[in-house]
Amino acid sequence: MFYTPAKLYGFCQAEGGPQVFFHAGVFTGSPPPAILGEPVEVEYDARPGRGEGSAPRATLVRRLVVPVLCVGTVTRFDEAQGWGFLRDGNGVAYHLHRSDVRDGRLPVLGSSVAFYPGIRRERPRACHVEVLR
């Protein structure tokens, strides 16, 4: 559901289950870290987290599918707003946000990028983006 690469934590949710907090340390599987919208299996402590109203904490998050690295081209990026779009080789458009760009090197129009396809709010989202050139 949500993952913050810079802070190494996120939230996942099973159908009909609670929203569960996880830290990258309990995420298993091959790199990269969590991808928005990817299917995972979660084991968690059913007791609430560290404060009233806080989410239960995951004890293990297991990746169910091996992520595939894709390459695409940036079709729009507004540096001031921190977001834009890219297209992969199949013509699929992905939303791109600066928080998903590795190494702080922001892309420009026409940049080639490597990324992992994710889903956020039922739309394609580029995750763990690396600017290639």
N, C-alpha and C. Protein backbone atom coordinates (compact mmCIF):
# COMPACT_ATOMS: atom_id res chain seq x y z
N MET A 1 0.81 -1.20 0.00
CA MET A 1 0.00 0.00 0.00
C MET A 1 0.85 1.26 0.00
N PHE A 2 1.91 1.27 0.81
CA PHE A 2 2.73 2.46 0.99
C PHE A 2 4.12 1.99 1.37
N TYR A 3 5.14 2.65 0.82
CA TYR A 3 6.51 2.34 1.20
C TYR A 3 7.34 3.60 1.03
N THR A 4 8.13 3.92 2.04
CA THR A 4 9.01 5.09 2.00
C THR A 4 10.46 4.59 1.95
N PRO A 5 11.06 4.56 0.75
CA PRO A 5 12.43 4.04 0.64
C PRO A 5 13.43 4.76 1.54
N ALA A 6 13.32 6.06 1.67
CA ALA A 6 14.29 6.82 2.47
C ALA A 6 14.23 6.44 3.95
N LYS A 7 13.06 6.05 4.43
CA LYS A 7 12.90 5.72 5.85
C LYS A 7 12.75 4.22 6.10
N LEU A 8 12.74 3.43 5.03
CA LEU A 8 12.72 1.97 5.10
C LEU A 8 11.52 1.37 5.84
N TYR A 9 10.35 1.98 5.69
CA TYR A 9 9.16 1.39 6.28
C TYR A 9 7.96 1.58 5.37
N GLY A 10 6.90 0.85 5.67
CA GLY A 10 5.69 0.96 4.88
C GLY A 10 4.52 0.28 5.55
N PHE A 11 3.43 0.15 4.80
CA PHE A 11 2.22 -0.49 5.29
C PHE A 11 1.71 -1.43 4.20
N CYS A 12 1.17 -2.57 4.61
CA CYS A 12 0.53 -3.48 3.69
C CYS A 12 -0.81 -3.89 4.29
N GLN A 13 -1.67 -4.45 3.45
CA GLN A 13 -2.99 -4.82 3.93
C GLN A 13 -3.50 -6.04 3.18
N ALA A 14 -3.96 -7.01 3.94
CA ALA A 14 -4.58 -8.19 3.34
C ALA A 14 -6.05 -7.88 3.10
N GLU A 15 -6.63 -8.56 2.12
CA GLU A 15 -8.05 -8.35 1.86
C GLU A 15 -8.84 -8.63 3.13
N GLY A 16 -9.61 -7.66 3.56
CA GLY A 16 -10.43 -7.80 4.75
C GLY A 16 -9.67 -7.76 6.07
N GLY A 17 -8.34 -7.63 6.02
CA GLY A 17 -7.53 -7.62 7.23
C GLY A 17 -7.12 -6.21 7.60
N PRO A 18 -6.39 -6.09 8.70
CA PRO A 18 -5.95 -4.77 9.13
C PRO A 18 -4.78 -4.25 8.30
N GLN A 19 -4.58 -2.96 8.36
CA GLN A 19 -3.39 -2.36 7.77
C GLN A 19 -2.24 -2.68 8.72
N VAL A 20 -1.12 -3.19 8.19
CA VAL A 20 -0.01 -3.66 9.00
C VAL A 20 1.25 -2.86 8.68
N PHE A 21 1.91 -2.34 9.72
CA PHE A 21 3.17 -1.60 9.58
C PHE A 21 4.30 -2.61 9.39
N PHE A 22 5.25 -2.31 8.49
CA PHE A 22 6.45 -3.15 8.38
C PHE A 22 7.69 -2.29 8.19
N HIS A 23 8.79 -2.80 8.69
CA HIS A 23 10.10 -2.20 8.47
C HIS A 23 10.82 -3.06 7.44
N ALA A 24 11.68 -2.47 6.65
CA ALA A 24 12.38 -3.21 5.58
C ALA A 24 13.12 -4.43 6.12
N GLY A 25 13.51 -4.40 7.39
CA GLY A 25 14.23 -5.52 7.98
C GLY A 25 13.43 -6.81 8.05
N VAL A 26 12.10 -6.75 7.99
CA VAL A 26 11.28 -7.96 8.04
C VAL A 26 10.81 -8.38 6.64
N PHE A 27 11.23 -7.64 5.63
CA PHE A 27 10.86 -7.94 4.24
C PHE A 27 11.86 -8.93 3.68
N THR A 28 11.38 -10.09 3.20
CA THR A 28 12.29 -11.09 2.66
C THR A 28 12.12 -11.20 1.15
N GLY A 29 13.12 -11.74 0.51
CA GLY A 29 13.08 -11.92 -0.94
C GLY A 29 14.23 -11.17 -1.59
N SER A 30 14.36 -11.39 -2.88
CA SER A 30 15.44 -10.74 -3.61
C SER A 30 15.19 -9.24 -3.70
N PRO A 31 16.26 -8.46 -3.93
CA PRO A 31 16.07 -7.02 -4.09
C PRO A 31 15.17 -6.76 -5.27
N PRO A 32 14.53 -5.65 -5.34
CA PRO A 32 14.65 -4.45 -4.52
C PRO A 32 13.78 -4.57 -3.27
N PRO A 33 13.77 -3.48 -2.47
CA PRO A 33 12.84 -3.45 -1.34
C PRO A 33 11.40 -3.47 -1.85
N ALA A 34 10.47 -3.31 -0.98
CA ALA A 34 9.04 -3.37 -1.31
C ALA A 34 8.68 -2.51 -2.51
N ILE A 35 7.73 -3.02 -3.30
CA ILE A 35 7.23 -2.30 -4.47
C ILE A 35 5.74 -2.05 -4.24
N LEU A 36 5.31 -0.83 -4.49
CA LEU A 36 3.90 -0.51 -4.29
C LEU A 36 3.00 -1.43 -5.09
N GLY A 37 2.02 -2.02 -4.42
CA GLY A 37 1.04 -2.86 -5.09
C GLY A 37 1.47 -4.30 -5.32
N GLU A 38 2.68 -4.68 -4.90
CA GLU A 38 3.10 -6.05 -5.14
C GLU A 38 2.43 -7.00 -4.14
N PRO A 39 2.12 -8.22 -4.59
CA PRO A 39 1.51 -9.18 -3.67
C PRO A 39 2.54 -9.73 -2.69
N VAL A 40 2.18 -9.76 -1.43
CA VAL A 40 3.06 -10.27 -0.39
C VAL A 40 2.25 -11.12 0.59
N GLU A 41 2.96 -11.94 1.34
CA GLU A 41 2.36 -12.71 2.43
C GLU A 41 2.89 -12.09 3.71
N VAL A 42 2.01 -11.82 4.65
CA VAL A 42 2.40 -11.09 5.86
C VAL A 42 2.09 -11.91 7.11
N GLU A 43 3.06 -11.97 8.00
CA GLU A 43 2.84 -12.50 9.34
C GLU A 43 2.99 -11.31 10.27
N TYR A 44 2.07 -11.18 11.21
CA TYR A 44 2.14 -10.02 12.10
C TYR A 44 1.63 -10.34 13.49
N ASP A 45 2.06 -9.51 14.42
CA ASP A 45 1.61 -9.59 15.81
C ASP A 45 0.25 -8.90 15.86
N ALA A 46 -0.78 -9.62 16.27
CA ALA A 46 -2.14 -9.08 16.25
C ALA A 46 -2.35 -7.95 17.26
N ARG A 47 -1.43 -7.80 18.20
CA ARG A 47 -1.56 -6.70 19.16
C ARG A 47 -1.27 -5.38 18.46
N PRO A 48 -1.92 -4.30 18.87
CA PRO A 48 -1.64 -3.00 18.26
C PRO A 48 -0.18 -2.62 18.43
N GLY A 49 0.27 -1.71 17.59
CA GLY A 49 1.66 -1.23 17.63
C GLY A 49 1.94 -0.38 18.84
N ARG A 50 2.81 0.56 18.69
CA ARG A 50 3.34 1.33 19.80
C ARG A 50 2.45 2.42 20.37
N GLY A 51 1.31 2.60 19.99
CA GLY A 51 0.46 3.63 20.56
C GLY A 51 -0.99 3.32 20.28
N GLU A 52 -1.83 3.99 20.98
CA GLU A 52 -3.26 3.77 20.78
C GLU A 52 -3.63 4.11 19.33
N GLY A 53 -4.32 3.20 18.69
CA GLY A 53 -4.74 3.42 17.32
C GLY A 53 -3.68 3.12 16.29
N SER A 54 -2.49 2.68 16.73
CA SER A 54 -1.44 2.39 15.74
C SER A 54 -1.64 1.00 15.16
N ALA A 55 -1.09 0.78 13.99
CA ALA A 55 -1.26 -0.48 13.26
C ALA A 55 -0.44 -1.60 13.90
N PRO A 56 -0.91 -2.84 13.75
CA PRO A 56 -0.10 -3.97 14.19
C PRO A 56 1.22 -3.99 13.40
N ARG A 57 2.25 -4.61 13.97
CA ARG A 57 3.57 -4.66 13.33
C ARG A 57 3.80 -6.02 12.68
N ALA A 58 4.31 -5.98 11.45
CA ALA A 58 4.64 -7.21 10.75
C ALA A 58 5.88 -7.84 11.37
N THR A 59 5.87 -9.16 11.48
CA THR A 59 7.06 -9.89 11.93
C THR A 59 7.79 -10.49 10.74
N LEU A 60 7.06 -10.63 9.61
CA LEU A 60 7.65 -11.15 8.38
C LEU A 60 6.78 -10.73 7.19
N VAL A 61 7.43 -10.22 6.15
CA VAL A 61 6.74 -9.91 4.90
C VAL A 61 7.48 -10.66 3.82
N ARG A 62 6.77 -11.59 3.15
CA ARG A 62 7.39 -12.46 2.16
C ARG A 62 6.90 -12.10 0.76
N ARG A 63 7.84 -11.86 -0.13
CA ARG A 63 7.54 -11.55 -1.53
C ARG A 63 7.01 -12.81 -2.21
N LEU A 64 5.93 -12.68 -2.98
CA LEU A 64 5.33 -13.82 -3.66
C LEU A 64 5.73 -13.92 -5.13
N VAL A 65 6.18 -12.83 -5.71
CA VAL A 65 6.55 -12.80 -7.12
C VAL A 65 7.92 -12.10 -7.24
N VAL A 66 8.78 -12.64 -8.10
CA VAL A 66 10.09 -12.01 -8.33
C VAL A 66 9.87 -10.77 -9.19
N PRO A 67 10.30 -9.58 -8.71
CA PRO A 67 10.11 -8.35 -9.48
C PRO A 67 10.97 -8.34 -10.75
N VAL A 68 10.44 -7.67 -11.78
CA VAL A 68 11.13 -7.57 -13.06
C VAL A 68 11.56 -6.13 -13.28
N LEU A 69 12.83 -5.93 -13.54
CA LEU A 69 13.37 -4.60 -13.82
C LEU A 69 13.00 -4.21 -15.25
N CYS A 70 12.47 -3.01 -15.42
CA CYS A 70 12.08 -2.50 -16.74
C CYS A 70 12.90 -1.26 -17.08
N VAL A 71 12.90 -0.90 -18.34
CA VAL A 71 13.58 0.31 -18.80
C VAL A 71 12.54 1.16 -19.52
N GLY A 72 12.62 2.46 -19.31
CA GLY A 72 11.68 3.36 -19.96
C GLY A 72 12.30 4.71 -20.23
N THR A 73 11.50 5.60 -20.80
CA THR A 73 11.94 6.95 -21.14
C THR A 73 11.01 7.96 -20.48
N VAL A 74 11.60 8.98 -19.88
CA VAL A 74 10.82 10.03 -19.21
C VAL A 74 10.15 10.89 -20.27
N THR A 75 8.82 11.01 -20.16
CA THR A 75 8.06 11.80 -21.13
C THR A 75 7.68 13.17 -20.55
N ARG A 76 7.75 13.27 -19.21
CA ARG A 76 7.47 14.55 -18.56
C ARG A 76 7.99 14.47 -17.13
N PHE A 77 8.65 15.53 -16.68
CA PHE A 77 9.05 15.61 -15.28
C PHE A 77 9.15 17.07 -14.88
N ASP A 78 8.39 17.46 -13.87
CA ASP A 78 8.40 18.82 -13.34
C ASP A 78 9.23 18.80 -12.06
N GLU A 79 10.45 19.32 -12.15
CA GLU A 79 11.36 19.29 -11.02
C GLU A 79 10.81 20.05 -9.82
N ALA A 80 10.14 21.17 -10.05
CA ALA A 80 9.59 21.97 -8.95
C ALA A 80 8.51 21.21 -8.20
N GLN A 81 7.66 20.49 -8.92
CA GLN A 81 6.59 19.73 -8.28
C GLN A 81 7.04 18.32 -7.87
N GLY A 82 8.10 17.84 -8.49
CA GLY A 82 8.67 16.55 -8.12
C GLY A 82 7.99 15.33 -8.69
N TRP A 83 7.27 15.48 -9.79
CA TRP A 83 6.63 14.32 -10.38
C TRP A 83 6.54 14.45 -11.89
N GLY A 84 6.25 13.33 -12.53
CA GLY A 84 6.11 13.31 -13.97
C GLY A 84 5.68 11.93 -14.42
N PHE A 85 6.03 11.60 -15.68
CA PHE A 85 5.63 10.32 -16.25
C PHE A 85 6.76 9.74 -17.08
N LEU A 86 6.71 8.43 -17.25
CA LEU A 86 7.63 7.74 -18.14
C LEU A 86 6.85 6.67 -18.88
N ARG A 87 7.42 6.20 -19.98
CA ARG A 87 6.81 5.11 -20.76
C ARG A 87 7.81 3.99 -20.89
N ASP A 88 7.31 2.77 -20.75
CA ASP A 88 8.17 1.62 -20.95
C ASP A 88 8.19 1.24 -22.43
N GLY A 89 8.91 0.18 -22.78
CA GLY A 89 9.02 -0.25 -24.17
C GLY A 89 7.73 -0.72 -24.78
N ASN A 90 6.72 -1.04 -23.95
CA ASN A 90 5.42 -1.48 -24.45
C ASN A 90 4.43 -0.33 -24.56
N GLY A 91 4.88 0.90 -24.25
CA GLY A 91 4.02 2.06 -24.35
C GLY A 91 3.17 2.35 -23.12
N VAL A 92 3.36 1.56 -22.03
CA VAL A 92 2.60 1.79 -20.80
C VAL A 92 3.17 3.02 -20.09
N ALA A 93 2.30 3.94 -19.68
CA ALA A 93 2.72 5.15 -18.97
C ALA A 93 2.71 4.89 -17.46
N TYR A 94 3.76 5.31 -16.78
CA TYR A 94 3.89 5.15 -15.33
C TYR A 94 4.06 6.51 -14.68
N HIS A 95 3.41 6.69 -13.55
CA HIS A 95 3.61 7.90 -12.75
C HIS A 95 4.98 7.78 -12.10
N LEU A 96 5.69 8.89 -12.05
CA LEU A 96 7.04 8.94 -11.50
C LEU A 96 7.08 10.04 -10.45
N HIS A 97 7.51 9.70 -9.24
CA HIS A 97 7.62 10.69 -8.16
C HIS A 97 9.06 10.74 -7.67
N ARG A 98 9.51 11.92 -7.32
CA ARG A 98 10.91 12.08 -6.89
C ARG A 98 11.28 11.19 -5.71
N SER A 99 10.32 10.84 -4.86
CA SER A 99 10.62 9.98 -3.71
C SER A 99 11.01 8.57 -4.13
N ASP A 100 10.72 8.19 -5.37
CA ASP A 100 11.08 6.87 -5.87
C ASP A 100 12.38 6.87 -6.66
N VAL A 101 13.01 8.02 -6.83
CA VAL A 101 14.24 8.10 -7.60
C VAL A 101 15.44 7.85 -6.68
N ARG A 102 16.26 6.88 -7.05
CA ARG A 102 17.45 6.55 -6.27
C ARG A 102 18.54 7.59 -6.45
N ASP A 103 19.39 7.72 -5.49
CA ASP A 103 20.58 8.57 -5.55
C ASP A 103 20.30 10.06 -5.70
N GLY A 104 19.04 10.48 -5.62
CA GLY A 104 18.70 11.90 -5.70
C GLY A 104 18.95 12.55 -7.05
N ARG A 105 19.30 11.77 -8.05
CA ARG A 105 19.57 12.30 -9.39
C ARG A 105 18.27 12.35 -10.18
N LEU A 106 17.63 13.50 -10.25
CA LEU A 106 16.32 13.63 -10.88
C LEU A 106 16.42 13.54 -12.40
N PRO A 107 15.43 12.91 -13.03
CA PRO A 107 15.44 12.78 -14.48
C PRO A 107 14.99 14.06 -15.17
N VAL A 108 15.28 14.14 -16.45
CA VAL A 108 14.80 15.23 -17.30
C VAL A 108 14.09 14.59 -18.48
N LEU A 109 13.37 15.39 -19.24
CA LEU A 109 12.68 14.91 -20.42
C LEU A 109 13.64 14.12 -21.31
N GLY A 110 13.26 12.91 -21.67
CA GLY A 110 14.09 12.07 -22.54
C GLY A 110 15.07 11.17 -21.81
N SER A 111 15.19 11.31 -20.50
CA SER A 111 16.11 10.44 -19.74
C SER A 111 15.68 8.99 -19.85
N SER A 112 16.67 8.10 -19.97
CA SER A 112 16.41 6.67 -19.87
C SER A 112 16.49 6.30 -18.40
N VAL A 113 15.54 5.48 -17.96
CA VAL A 113 15.51 5.08 -16.56
C VAL A 113 15.24 3.58 -16.44
N ALA A 114 15.76 2.98 -15.39
CA ALA A 114 15.43 1.61 -15.02
C ALA A 114 14.51 1.71 -13.81
N PHE A 115 13.50 0.84 -13.74
CA PHE A 115 12.53 0.92 -12.65
C PHE A 115 11.81 -0.40 -12.48
N TYR A 116 11.14 -0.53 -11.36
CA TYR A 116 10.29 -1.68 -11.09
C TYR A 116 8.84 -1.21 -11.18
N PRO A 117 8.02 -1.87 -11.99
CA PRO A 117 6.63 -1.45 -12.12
C PRO A 117 5.83 -1.78 -10.85
N GLY A 118 5.09 -0.79 -10.40
CA GLY A 118 4.23 -0.96 -9.24
C GLY A 118 2.85 -0.42 -9.54
N ILE A 119 1.99 -0.45 -8.54
CA ILE A 119 0.63 0.05 -8.68
C ILE A 119 0.33 0.91 -7.46
N ARG A 120 -0.23 2.08 -7.68
CA ARG A 120 -0.69 2.92 -6.58
C ARG A 120 -2.01 3.54 -7.01
N ARG A 121 -2.99 3.40 -6.15
CA ARG A 121 -4.35 3.87 -6.45
C ARG A 121 -4.84 3.33 -7.79
N GLU A 122 -4.54 2.06 -8.01
CA GLU A 122 -4.97 1.32 -9.20
C GLU A 122 -4.38 1.86 -10.51
N ARG A 123 -3.27 2.58 -10.42
CA ARG A 123 -2.60 3.10 -11.62
C ARG A 123 -1.13 2.71 -11.60
N PRO A 124 -0.51 2.56 -12.79
CA PRO A 124 0.91 2.19 -12.85
C PRO A 124 1.81 3.25 -12.20
N ARG A 125 2.75 2.79 -11.41
CA ARG A 125 3.67 3.68 -10.71
C ARG A 125 5.08 3.12 -10.84
N ALA A 126 6.05 3.95 -11.18
CA ALA A 126 7.44 3.55 -11.28
C ALA A 126 8.06 3.57 -9.88
N CYS A 127 8.68 2.46 -9.48
CA CYS A 127 9.27 2.35 -8.15
C CYS A 127 10.78 2.09 -8.27
N HIS A 128 11.54 2.56 -7.30
CA HIS A 128 12.99 2.35 -7.23
C HIS A 128 13.65 2.71 -8.58
N VAL A 129 13.45 3.93 -8.99
CA VAL A 129 13.89 4.42 -10.30
C VAL A 129 15.36 4.81 -10.27
N GLU A 130 16.09 4.38 -11.28
CA GLU A 130 17.49 4.77 -11.44
C GLU A 130 17.65 5.46 -12.79
N VAL A 131 18.17 6.69 -12.78
CA VAL A 131 18.40 7.42 -14.03
C VAL A 131 19.64 6.83 -14.68
N LEU A 132 19.48 6.39 -15.93
CA LEU A 132 20.60 5.75 -16.64
C LEU A 132 21.41 6.77 -17.44
N ARG A 133 20.73 7.69 -18.10
CA ARG A 133 21.41 8.76 -18.85
C ARG A 133 20.44 9.87 -19.14
